[in-house]
Amino acid sequence: MIKVKTFSSPLKIFQTAKELQQLDDEVNKFISGQKAARVISVSDCCTTDTAGSTIGIIRVLTYET
């Protein structure tokens, strides 16, 4: 069965690398815990404030169990 899971993370100035690593770890932990047979796609999209500054990231994972 094909499933979709969404993850999100706020991004703070000067901490982006750490926050992206934490997001990667969260997604990898989820994949291991779900015993996903196959990852079909991983897609990222940034969220912005009214000034156009990036303030967050949304990661969508499509996988098969």
Foldseek 3Di string as FASTA:
>chain_A
DKDKDKDKDWDDPPCRVVRVVVVVVVVVVVCVVVVFPFWDDKDKDFDADPVRDTTMMMIMTMTHD
